[in-house]
C-alpha atoms as a PDB file:
ATOM      1  CA  MET A   1     -56.107-190.551 -11.180  1.00  0.00           C
ATOM      2  CA  ARG A   2     -55.556-186.844  -9.820  1.00  0.00           C
ATOM      3  CA  LEU A   3     -52.902-185.862  -7.672  1.00  0.00           C
ATOM      4  CA  ASN A   4     -54.669-184.927  -4.921  1.00  0.00           C
ATOM      5  CA  LYS A   5     -57.039-187.888  -5.113  1.00  0.00           C
ATOM      6  CA  ILE A   6     -54.017-189.951  -5.096  1.00  0.00           C
ATOM      7  CA  LEU A   7     -52.637-187.992  -1.733  1.00  0.00           C
ATOM      8  CA  SER A   8     -56.122-188.523  -0.156  1.00  0.00           C
ATOM      9  CA  SER A   9     -55.572-192.033  -0.419  1.00  0.00           C
ATOM     10  CA  ALA A  10     -52.840-192.272   0.171  1.00  0.00           C
ATOM     11  CA  GLY A  11     -53.838-190.559   4.157  1.00  0.00           C
ATOM     12  CA  VAL A  12     -51.251-187.683   3.143  1.00  0.00           C
ATOM     13  CA  ALA A  13     -53.870-185.124   3.740  1.00  0.00           C
ATOM     14  CA  SER A  14     -57.288-184.130   2.320  1.00  0.00           C
ATOM     15  CA  ARG A  15     -58.122-183.392  -1.373  1.00  0.00           C
ATOM     16  CA  ARG A  16     -58.378-179.533  -0.401  1.00  0.00           C
ATOM     17  CA  ALA A  17     -54.907-179.944   1.625  1.00  0.00           C
ATOM     18  CA  ALA A  18     -53.636-181.535  -1.140  1.00  0.00           C
ATOM     19  CA  ASP A  19     -54.229-178.782  -3.531  1.00  0.00           C
ATOM     20  CA  ASP A  20     -52.737-176.715  -1.417  1.00  0.00           C
ATOM     21  CA  LEU A  21     -49.450-178.658  -1.186  1.00  0.00           C
ATOM     22  CA  ILE A  22     -49.427-178.465  -4.518  1.00  0.00           C
ATOM     23  CA  ARG A  23     -49.559-174.775  -4.789  1.00  0.00           C
ATOM     24  CA  GLN A  24     -46.857-174.448  -2.329  1.00  0.00           C
ATOM     25  CA  GLY A  25     -44.753-176.352  -4.663  1.00  0.00           C
ATOM     26  CA  ARG A  26     -44.078-179.378  -2.399  1.00  0.00           C
ATOM     27  CA  VAL A  27     -44.855-182.302  -4.195  1.00  0.00           C
ATOM     28  CA  THR A  28     -43.019-183.784  -7.265  1.00  0.00           C
ATOM     29  CA  LEU A  29     -43.835-185.833 -10.102  1.00  0.00           C
ATOM     30  CA  ASN A  30     -41.141-188.308 -11.288  1.00  0.00           C
ATOM     31  CA  GLY A  31     -38.774-185.579 -10.206  1.00  0.00           C
ATOM     32  CA  ALA A  32     -40.241-182.061 -11.716  1.00  0.00           C
ATOM     33  CA  ILE A  33     -42.395-180.196  -9.375  1.00  0.00           C
ATOM     34  CA  VAL A  34     -45.873-180.256 -10.112  1.00  0.00           C
ATOM     35  CA  SER A  35     -47.216-176.868 -11.182  1.00  0.00           C
ATOM     36  CA  GLU A  36     -50.674-177.153 -11.613  1.00  0.00           C
ATOM     37  CA  LEU A  37     -53.695-178.400 -10.089  1.00  0.00           C
ATOM     38  CA  GLY A  38     -55.646-181.554 -11.595  1.00  0.00           C
ATOM     39  CA  THR A  39     -52.450-182.890 -12.672  1.00  0.00           C
ATOM     40  CA  LYS A  40     -52.950-186.798 -12.938  1.00  0.00           C
ATOM     41  CA  ALA A  41     -50.134-189.711 -12.479  1.00  0.00           C
ATOM     42  CA  ASP A  42     -50.128-192.927 -12.153  1.00  0.00           C
ATOM     43  CA  PRO A  43     -50.066-194.327  -8.504  1.00  0.00           C
ATOM     44  CA  GLU A  44     -48.225-197.924  -9.000  1.00  0.00           C
ATOM     45  CA  ARG A  45     -45.750-196.356 -11.819  1.00  0.00           C
ATOM     46  CA  ASP A  46     -45.142-193.114 -11.046  1.00  0.00           C
ATOM     47  CA  ASP A  47     -42.666-191.386  -8.422  1.00  0.00           C
ATOM     48  CA  ILE A  48     -44.344-189.118  -6.218  1.00  0.00           C
ATOM     49  CA  ARG A  49     -42.921-187.180  -3.268  1.00  0.00           C
ATOM     50  CA  VAL A  50     -44.178-184.712  -0.794  1.00  0.00           C
ATOM     51  CA  ASP A  51     -41.384-182.823   0.580  1.00  0.00           C
ATOM     52  CA  GLY A  52     -39.332-184.789  -1.041  1.00  0.00           C
ATOM     53  CA  ARG A  53     -41.178-188.534   0.843  1.00  0.00           C
ATOM     54  CA  ARG A  54     -42.210-191.399  -1.714  1.00  0.00           C
ATOM     55  CA  VAL A  55     -45.692-191.812  -1.741  1.00  0.00           C
ATOM     56  CA  GLY A  56     -45.968-195.135  -1.238  1.00  0.00           C
ATOM     57  CA  ALA A  57     -49.434-197.320  -2.279  1.00  0.00           C
ATOM     58  CA  PRO A  58     -52.557-196.405  -0.216  1.00  0.00           C
ATOM     59  CA  PRO A  59     -53.110-197.946   3.162  1.00  0.00           C
ATOM     60  CA  ALA A  60     -55.816-200.017   4.114  1.00  0.00           C
ATOM     61  CA  ARG A  61     -58.663-197.778   4.550  1.00  0.00           C
ATOM     62  CA  ARG A  62     -59.884-197.792   7.870  1.00  0.00           C
ATOM     63  CA  TYR A  63     -62.939-196.529   9.335  1.00  0.00           C
ATOM     64  CA  LEU A  64     -63.093-196.389  13.179  1.00  0.00           C
ATOM     65  CA  LEU A  65     -65.726-194.704  15.636  1.00  0.00           C
ATOM     66  CA  MET A  66     -64.558-193.268  18.810  1.00  0.00           C
ATOM     67  CA  ASN A  67     -66.438-192.367  22.263  1.00  0.00           C
ATOM     68  CA  LYS A  68     -64.849-188.949  22.187  1.00  0.00           C
ATOM     69  CA  PRO A  69     -64.496-188.051  26.409  1.00  0.00           C
ATOM     70  CA  ARG A  70     -64.583-184.422  27.244  1.00  0.00           C
ATOM     71  CA  GLY A  71     -60.942-182.556  27.786  1.00  0.00           C
ATOM     72  CA  VAL A  72     -60.255-183.841  24.322  1.00  0.00           C
ATOM     73  CA  VAL A  73     -59.995-182.159  21.085  1.00  0.00           C
ATOM     74  CA  SER A  74     -61.065-183.469  17.941  1.00  0.00           C
ATOM     75  CA  THR A  75     -58.563-182.213  15.895  1.00  0.00           C
ATOM     76  CA  ARG A  76     -55.549-183.483  14.459  1.00  0.00           C
ATOM     77  CA  SER A  77     -53.343-180.869  16.015  1.00  0.00           C
ATOM     78  CA  ASP A  78     -53.838-177.936  18.303  1.00  0.00           C
ATOM     79  CA  PRO A  79     -51.760-175.043  19.288  1.00  0.00           C
ATOM     80  CA  GLN A  80     -52.509-174.971  22.675  1.00  0.00           C
ATOM     81  CA  ARG A  81     -51.165-178.140  23.380  1.00  0.00           C
ATOM     82  CA  ARG A  82     -54.031-179.849  24.862  1.00  0.00           C
ATOM     83  CA  LYS A  83     -54.882-183.502  24.186  1.00  0.00           C
ATOM     84  CA  THR A  84     -55.743-184.622  20.933  1.00  0.00           C
ATOM     85  CA  VAL A  85     -57.987-187.731  19.111  1.00  0.00           C
ATOM     86  CA  VAL A  86     -54.544-188.512  17.011  1.00  0.00           C
ATOM     87  CA  ASP A  87     -52.491-188.343  20.691  1.00  0.00           C
ATOM     88  CA  LEU A  88     -55.670-191.524  22.048  1.00  0.00           C
ATOM     89  CA  LEU A  89     -55.433-193.275  18.711  1.00  0.00           C
ATOM     90  CA  ARG A  90     -51.456-193.377  19.463  1.00  0.00           C
ATOM     91  CA  GLN A  91     -51.807-194.954  22.660  1.00  0.00           C
ATOM     92  CA  ALA A  92     -54.756-197.603  21.493  1.00  0.00           C
ATOM     93  CA  GLY A  93     -51.306-198.018  19.083  1.00  0.00           C
ATOM     94  CA  ILE A  94     -52.924-196.984  15.728  1.00  0.00           C
ATOM     95  CA  ASN A  95     -50.800-195.167  13.507  1.00  0.00           C
ATOM     96  CA  GLY A  96     -51.637-193.603   9.721  1.00  0.00           C
ATOM     97  CA  TYR A  97     -53.057-190.279   8.954  1.00  0.00           C
ATOM     98  CA  PHE A  98     -56.341-190.344  10.166  1.00  0.00           C
ATOM     99  CA  TYR A  99     -59.346-187.514   9.637  1.00  0.00           C
ATOM    100  CA  PRO A 100     -61.805-186.843  12.347  1.00  0.00           C
ATOM    101  CA  VAL A 101     -65.712-187.024  10.157  1.00  0.00           C
ATOM    102  CA  GLY A 102     -66.885-183.513  11.704  1.00  0.00           C
ATOM    103  CA  ARG A 103     -65.574-182.290  14.791  1.00  0.00           C
ATOM    104  CA  LEU A 104     -67.164-182.402  18.553  1.00  0.00           C
ATOM    105  CA  ASP A 105     -66.073-179.432  21.083  1.00  0.00           C
ATOM    106  CA  TYR A 106     -63.462-179.781  23.435  1.00  0.00           C
ATOM    107  CA  ASP A 107     -66.112-180.105  26.021  1.00  0.00           C
ATOM    108  CA  SER A 108     -68.244-181.853  25.055  1.00  0.00           C
ATOM    109  CA  GLU A 109     -68.246-186.409  24.320  1.00  0.00           C
ATOM    110  CA  GLY A 110     -69.589-189.069  22.400  1.00  0.00           C
ATOM    111  CA  LEU A 111     -69.392-190.490  18.683  1.00  0.00           C
ATOM    112  CA  LEU A 112     -66.624-189.366  16.393  1.00  0.00           C
ATOM    113  CA  LEU A 113     -66.004-191.170  13.233  1.00  0.00           C
ATOM    114  CA  LEU A 114     -61.835-191.154  12.354  1.00  0.00           C
ATOM    115  CA  THR A 115     -60.713-192.544   8.878  1.00  0.00           C
ATOM    116  CA  ASN A 116     -58.002-192.769   6.650  1.00  0.00           C
ATOM    117  CA  ASP A 117     -59.906-192.409   3.575  1.00  0.00           C
ATOM    118  CA  GLY A 118     -60.126-188.868   3.068  1.00  0.00           C
ATOM    119  CA  GLU A 119     -62.827-189.238  -0.029  1.00  0.00           C
ATOM    120  CA  LEU A 120     -65.492-190.558   2.573  1.00  0.00           C
ATOM    121  CA  ALA A 121     -64.157-187.857   4.998  1.00  0.00           C
ATOM    122  CA  GLU A 122     -65.329-184.719   2.242  1.00  0.00           C
ATOM    123  CA  ARG A 123     -67.957-186.988   0.998  1.00  0.00           C
ATOM    124  CA  ALA A 124     -69.759-187.513   4.198  1.00  0.00           C
ATOM    125  CA  MET A 125     -69.349-183.978   5.572  1.00  0.00           C
ATOM    126  CA  HIS A 126     -70.694-182.574   2.337  1.00  0.00           C
ATOM    127  CA  PRO A 127     -73.757-180.675   3.305  1.00  0.00           C
ATOM    128  CA  ARG A 128     -76.165-182.748   0.956  1.00  0.00           C
ATOM    129  CA  TYR A 129     -76.201-185.772   3.034  1.00  0.00           C
ATOM    130  CA  GLY A 130     -77.478-184.018   5.906  1.00  0.00           C
ATOM    131  CA  LEU A 131     -76.154-186.426   7.753  1.00  0.00           C
ATOM    132  CA  THR A 132     -77.849-186.027  11.114  1.00  0.00           C
ATOM    133  CA  ARG A 133     -76.592-186.342  14.241  1.00  0.00           C
ATOM    134  CA  THR A 134     -78.171-186.903  17.913  1.00  0.00           C
ATOM    135  CA  TYR A 135     -77.242-185.661  21.656  1.00  0.00           C
ATOM    136  CA  GLU A 136     -78.274-185.703  24.394  1.00  0.00           C
ATOM    137  CA  ALA A 137     -78.058-181.814  26.468  1.00  0.00           C
ATOM    138  CA  GLN A 138     -78.754-182.091  29.958  1.00  0.00           C
ATOM    139  CA  VAL A 139     -79.737-177.678  30.546  1.00  0.00           C
ATOM    140  CA  VAL A 140     -79.998-175.565  33.131  1.00  0.00           C
ATOM    141  CA  GLY A 141     -84.040-175.493  33.831  1.00  0.00           C
ATOM    142  CA  VAL A 142     -86.567-176.999  31.921  1.00  0.00           C
ATOM    143  CA  PRO A 143     -87.837-175.720  29.304  1.00  0.00           C
ATOM    144  CA  GLU A 144     -91.288-175.593  28.770  1.00  0.00           C
ATOM    145  CA  PRO A 145     -92.887-177.340  25.859  1.00  0.00           C
ATOM    146  CA  ARG A 146     -93.175-173.585  23.546  1.00  0.00           C
ATOM    147  CA  ASP A 147     -89.344-173.255  24.036  1.00  0.00           C
ATOM    148  CA  LEU A 148     -89.158-177.428  22.748  1.00  0.00           C
ATOM    149  CA  GLU A 149     -91.368-176.470  19.022  1.00  0.00           C
ATOM    150  CA  ARG A 150     -89.119-173.324  19.279  1.00  0.00           C
ATOM    151  CA  LEU A 151     -86.077-175.769  18.889  1.00  0.00           C
ATOM    152  CA  ARG A 152     -88.207-178.167  16.801  1.00  0.00           C
ATOM    153  CA  ARG A 153     -89.206-175.380  14.186  1.00  0.00           C
ATOM    154  CA  GLY A 154     -85.190-173.582  14.433  1.00  0.00           C
ATOM    155  CA  VAL A 155     -83.660-170.464  16.181  1.00  0.00           C
ATOM    156  CA  VAL A 156     -82.235-168.256  14.479  1.00  0.00           C
ATOM    157  CA  ILE A 157     -78.015-167.970  14.876  1.00  0.00           C
ATOM    158  CA  ASP A 158     -76.233-164.896  13.221  1.00  0.00           C
ATOM    159  CA  ASP A 159     -78.676-163.964  11.042  1.00  0.00           C
ATOM    160  CA  ARG A 160     -79.667-167.186  10.019  1.00  0.00           C
ATOM    161  CA  ARG A 161     -82.581-170.423  11.256  1.00  0.00           C
ATOM    162  CA  THR A 162     -81.090-173.458  12.247  1.00  0.00           C
ATOM    163  CA  LEU A 163     -82.862-176.554  10.095  1.00  0.00           C
ATOM    164  CA  PRO A 164     -85.463-178.017  11.650  1.00  0.00           C
ATOM    165  CA  ALA A 165     -84.854-180.450  14.274  1.00  0.00           C
ATOM    166  CA  ASP A 166     -86.541-183.281  16.238  1.00  0.00           C
ATOM    167  CA  VAL A 167     -86.200-182.656  19.793  1.00  0.00           C
ATOM    168  CA  ARG A 168     -87.396-185.133  23.209  1.00  0.00           C
ATOM    169  CA  GLN A 169     -87.109-184.086  26.885  1.00  0.00           C
ATOM    170  CA  LEU A 170     -86.136-187.830  28.091  1.00  0.00           C
ATOM    171  CA  ARG A 171     -85.918-186.931  31.993  1.00  0.00           C
ATOM    172  CA  VAL A 172     -85.383-183.822  34.929  1.00  0.00           C
ATOM    173  CA  VAL A 173     -82.823-184.516  36.344  1.00  0.00           C
ATOM    174  CA  PRO A 174     -81.712-183.412  40.225  1.00  0.00           C
ATOM    175  CA  ALA A 175     -78.982-180.509  39.737  1.00  0.00           C
ATOM    176  CA  LYS A 176     -77.504-177.903  42.888  1.00  0.00           C
ATOM    177  CA  GLY A 177     -78.948-174.923  41.618  1.00  0.00           C
ATOM    178  CA  GLY A 178     -82.632-177.053  41.137  1.00  0.00           C
ATOM    179  CA  PRO A 179     -83.954-179.751  38.260  1.00  0.00           C
ATOM    180  CA  GLN A 180     -82.187-179.935  34.971  1.00  0.00           C
ATOM    181  CA  ALA A 181     -83.825-181.436  31.771  1.00  0.00           C
ATOM    182  CA  VAL A 182     -82.061-183.941  29.919  1.00  0.00           C
ATOM    183  CA  LEU A 183     -82.710-183.196  26.255  1.00  0.00           C
ATOM    184  CA  GLU A 184     -82.309-185.590  23.098  1.00  0.00           C
ATOM    185  CA  ILE A 185     -81.805-183.304  19.514  1.00  0.00           C
ATOM    186  CA  THR A 186     -81.395-184.522  16.234  1.00  0.00           C
ATOM    187  CA  ILE A 187     -79.790-182.167  13.973  1.00  0.00           C
ATOM    188  CA  ARG A 188     -79.256-181.704  10.136  1.00  0.00           C
ATOM    189  CA  GLU A 189     -76.513-179.564  10.311  1.00  0.00           C
ATOM    190  CA  GLY A 190     -72.874-179.323  10.882  1.00  0.00           C
ATOM    191  CA  ARG A 191     -72.729-175.691  12.078  1.00  0.00           C
ATOM    192  CA  ASN A 192     -70.262-174.322  14.900  1.00  0.00           C
ATOM    193  CA  ARG A 193     -71.690-174.931  18.607  1.00  0.00           C
ATOM    194  CA  GLN A 194     -74.452-175.390  17.363  1.00  0.00           C
ATOM    195  CA  VAL A 195     -76.652-177.676  19.697  1.00  0.00           C
ATOM    196  CA  ARG A 196     -75.214-175.370  22.757  1.00  0.00           C
ATOM    197  CA  ARG A 197     -76.357-172.051  20.735  1.00  0.00           C
ATOM    198  CA  MET A 198     -79.923-173.989  20.277  1.00  0.00           C
ATOM    199  CA  CYS A 199     -79.905-174.199  23.335  1.00  0.00           C
ATOM    200  CA  ASP A 200     -78.934-170.933  24.909  1.00  0.00           C
ATOM    201  CA  ALA A 201     -81.684-168.740  21.940  1.00  0.00           C
ATOM    202  CA  ILE A 202     -84.744-170.190  24.266  1.00  0.00           C
ATOM    203  CA  ALA A 203     -82.351-169.675  27.603  1.00  0.00           C
ATOM    204  CA  HIS A 204     -81.318-173.245  28.539  1.00  0.00           C
ATOM    205  CA  PRO A 205     -77.780-173.496  28.549  1.00  0.00           C
ATOM    206  CA  VAL A 206     -76.060-176.615  28.034  1.00  0.00           C
ATOM    207  CA  GLU A 207     -74.467-178.101  31.456  1.00  0.00           C
ATOM    208  CA  ARG A 208     -73.214-181.631  29.171  1.00  0.00           C
ATOM    209  CA  LEU A 209     -73.465-182.500  25.842  1.00  0.00           C
ATOM    210  CA  ARG A 210     -73.132-186.303  24.760  1.00  0.00           C
ATOM    211  CA  ARG A 211     -73.454-187.766  20.997  1.00  0.00           C
ATOM    212  CA  THR A 212     -75.251-190.547  20.526  1.00  0.00           C
ATOM    213  CA  ARG A 213     -75.688-191.324  17.381  1.00  0.00           C
ATOM    214  CA  LEU A 214     -73.807-190.385  14.252  1.00  0.00           C
ATOM    215  CA  GLY A 215     -75.812-191.027  10.787  1.00  0.00           C
ATOM    216  CA  PRO A 216     -77.121-194.804  11.571  1.00  0.00           C
ATOM    217  CA  ILE A 217     -74.384-195.711  13.881  1.00  0.00           C
ATOM    218  CA  ALA A 218     -74.796-196.047  17.405  1.00  0.00           C
ATOM    219  CA  ASP A 219     -72.873-197.811  20.454  1.00  0.00           C
ATOM    220  CA  ALA A 220     -74.210-197.093  24.031  1.00  0.00           C
ATOM    221  CA  LYS A 221     -71.969-200.241  25.253  1.00  0.00           C
ATOM    222  CA  LEU A 222     -68.375-197.776  24.104  1.00  0.00           C
ATOM    223  CA  LYS A 223     -67.131-196.357  26.498  1.00  0.00           C
ATOM    224  CA  PRO A 224     -65.550-192.613  26.789  1.00  0.00           C
ATOM    225  CA  GLY A 225     -61.734-193.106  24.858  1.00  0.00           C
ATOM    226  CA  GLN A 226     -62.487-196.430  23.395  1.00  0.00           C
ATOM    227  CA  ILE A 227     -62.410-197.156  19.747  1.00  0.00           C
ATOM    228  CA  ARG A 228     -63.727-199.989  17.138  1.00  0.00           C
ATOM    229  CA  GLU A 229     -63.332-200.641  13.394  1.00  0.00           C
ATOM    230  CA  LEU A 230     -67.148-199.959  11.536  1.00  0.00           C
ATOM    231  CA  THR A 231     -68.773-203.279  11.296  1.00  0.00           C
ATOM    232  CA  PRO A 232     -69.639-203.638   7.417  1.00  0.00           C
ATOM    233  CA  ARG A 233     -72.999-203.083   7.600  1.00  0.00           C
ATOM    234  CA  GLU A 234     -72.121-200.381   9.582  1.00  0.00           C
ATOM    235  CA  LEU A 235     -70.086-198.960   6.963  1.00  0.00           C
ATOM    236  CA  ALA A 236     -72.103-199.923   4.127  1.00  0.00           C
ATOM    237  CA  SER A 237     -74.808-197.657   5.701  1.00  0.00           C
ATOM    238  CA  PHE A 238     -73.088-194.680   6.514  1.00  0.00           C
ATOM    239  CA  LEU A 239     -73.334-192.567   3.387  1.00  0.00           C
ATOM    240  CA  GLU A 240     -76.974-193.333   2.208  1.00  0.00           C
ATOM    241  CA  PRO A 241     -78.237-189.614   1.574  1.00  0.00           C
ATOM    242  CA  ASP A 242     -80.340-188.886   4.407  1.00  0.00           C
ATOM    243  CA  ALA A 243     -81.239-185.415   3.267  1.00  0.00           C
ATOM    244  CA  PRO A 244     -83.745-183.011   4.613  1.00  0.00           C
ATOM    245  CA  PRO A 245     -87.120-182.386   2.054  1.00  0.00           C
ATOM    246  CA  ARG A 246     -87.313-179.319   0.702  1.00  0.00           C
ATOM    247  CA  ALA A 247     -90.146-178.444   2.959  1.00  0.00           C
ATOM    248  CA  ALA A 248     -87.668-178.513   6.210  1.00  0.00           C
ATOM    249  CA  MET A 249     -84.627-176.491   4.457  1.00  0.00           C
ATOM    250  CA  ARG A 250     -87.542-173.925   3.006  1.00  0.00           C
ATOM    251  CA  ALA A 251     -88.278-173.230   6.574  1.00  0.00           C
ATOM    252  CA  SER A 252     -84.778-172.698   7.130  1.00  0.00           C
ATOM    253  CA  ARG A 253     -84.503-169.359   6.060  1.00  0.00           C
ATOM    254  CA  PRO A 254     -85.248-166.185   7.748  1.00  0.00           C
ATOM    255  CA  PRO A 255     -89.055-165.092   7.821  1.00  0.00           C
ATOM    256  CA  ALA A 256     -89.171-162.422   5.861  1.00  0.00           C
ATOM    257  CA  ASP A 257     -87.568-164.493   3.160  1.00  0.00           C
ATOM    258  CA  ARG A 258     -89.742-166.432   3.075  1.00  0.00           C
ATOM    259  CA  ALA A 259     -92.557-163.642   3.143  1.00  0.00           C
ATOM    260  CA  ARG A 260     -90.693-161.831   0.274  1.00  0.00           C
ATOM    261  CA  ASN A 261     -91.103-165.240  -2.070  1.00  0.00           C
ATOM    262  CA  GLU A 262     -94.826-165.997  -0.776  1.00  0.00           C
ATOM    263  CA  SER A 263     -96.023-162.300  -1.580  1.00  0.00           C
ATOM    264  CA  ALA A 264     -94.581-162.404  -5.192  1.00  0.00           C
ATOM    265  CA  PRO A 265     -96.816-163.390  -8.070  1.00  0.00           C
ATOM    266  CA  SER A 266     -96.642-166.612  -9.126  1.00  0.00           C
ATOM    267  CA  HIS A 267     -94.322-166.086 -11.952  1.00  0.00           C
ATOM    268  CA  ARG A 268     -92.048-164.926 -10.141  1.00  0.00           C
ATOM    269  CA  ARG A 269     -92.359-167.894  -7.550  1.00  0.00           C
ATOM    270  CA  ARG A 270     -91.959-169.916 -10.391  1.00  0.00           C
ATOM    271  CA  ARG A 271     -88.963-168.095 -11.725  1.00  0.00           C
ATOM    272  CA  SER A 272     -87.361-167.986  -8.154  1.00  0.00           C
ATOM    273  CA  ARG A 273     -86.988-171.959  -7.929  1.00  0.00           C
ATOM    274  CA  SER A 274     -85.894-172.696 -11.195  1.00  0.00           C
END
């Protein structure tokens, strides 16, 4: 088995981070510093160490669902010394090296998966799985139907159009500055602060954001700060591919790119798809 996979399975680091440890000369195999990526070892027979500490047998794999509160960072550490999701795990008596699967903003709340299975974490975040994320966004004002349609079709962020999204208005609530709409938005990509920036693009900034579903997993009873194990059924369904159809991927390209491709001769279009 490759060393990076052994270290990932043992909860030391993700595969990519494990490769960095090897490059830095911090990993030894049977007393010798490992210098080549892709080196293989037997986790049960070989002496594998990181910074002099022996890597034991991989721990039992765990898959935790957390309702992340606002004011908590969804990373393992924070240079500003803000509370992290790992701090919440420790407070709950859960120790070990856990990876957050994706992120939630400091000011956002909602469902977050944490696991010591580095392979699953990296696989879940790979774009080809199209892991859906559903949010409730309370926005300033009440968007017109044409604004909601813009969100559904995709808006341009950083010169790239977002993939088509499922959007519906759930309700309108009173607020100091006037009524505010609560939208349910399901996206199929995980760009930085995407939902907030999508709503900025239609001039209805987000006041409050909560993730209510992660792929097939939802739990309306899980309170902010609470943590539970995934059920076997949830785990089995979590990594079923949910990639958007090719037409949706095509619709996410900027209009100018689509127009150039569609105006090209048919033989050129055929080559461009190959």
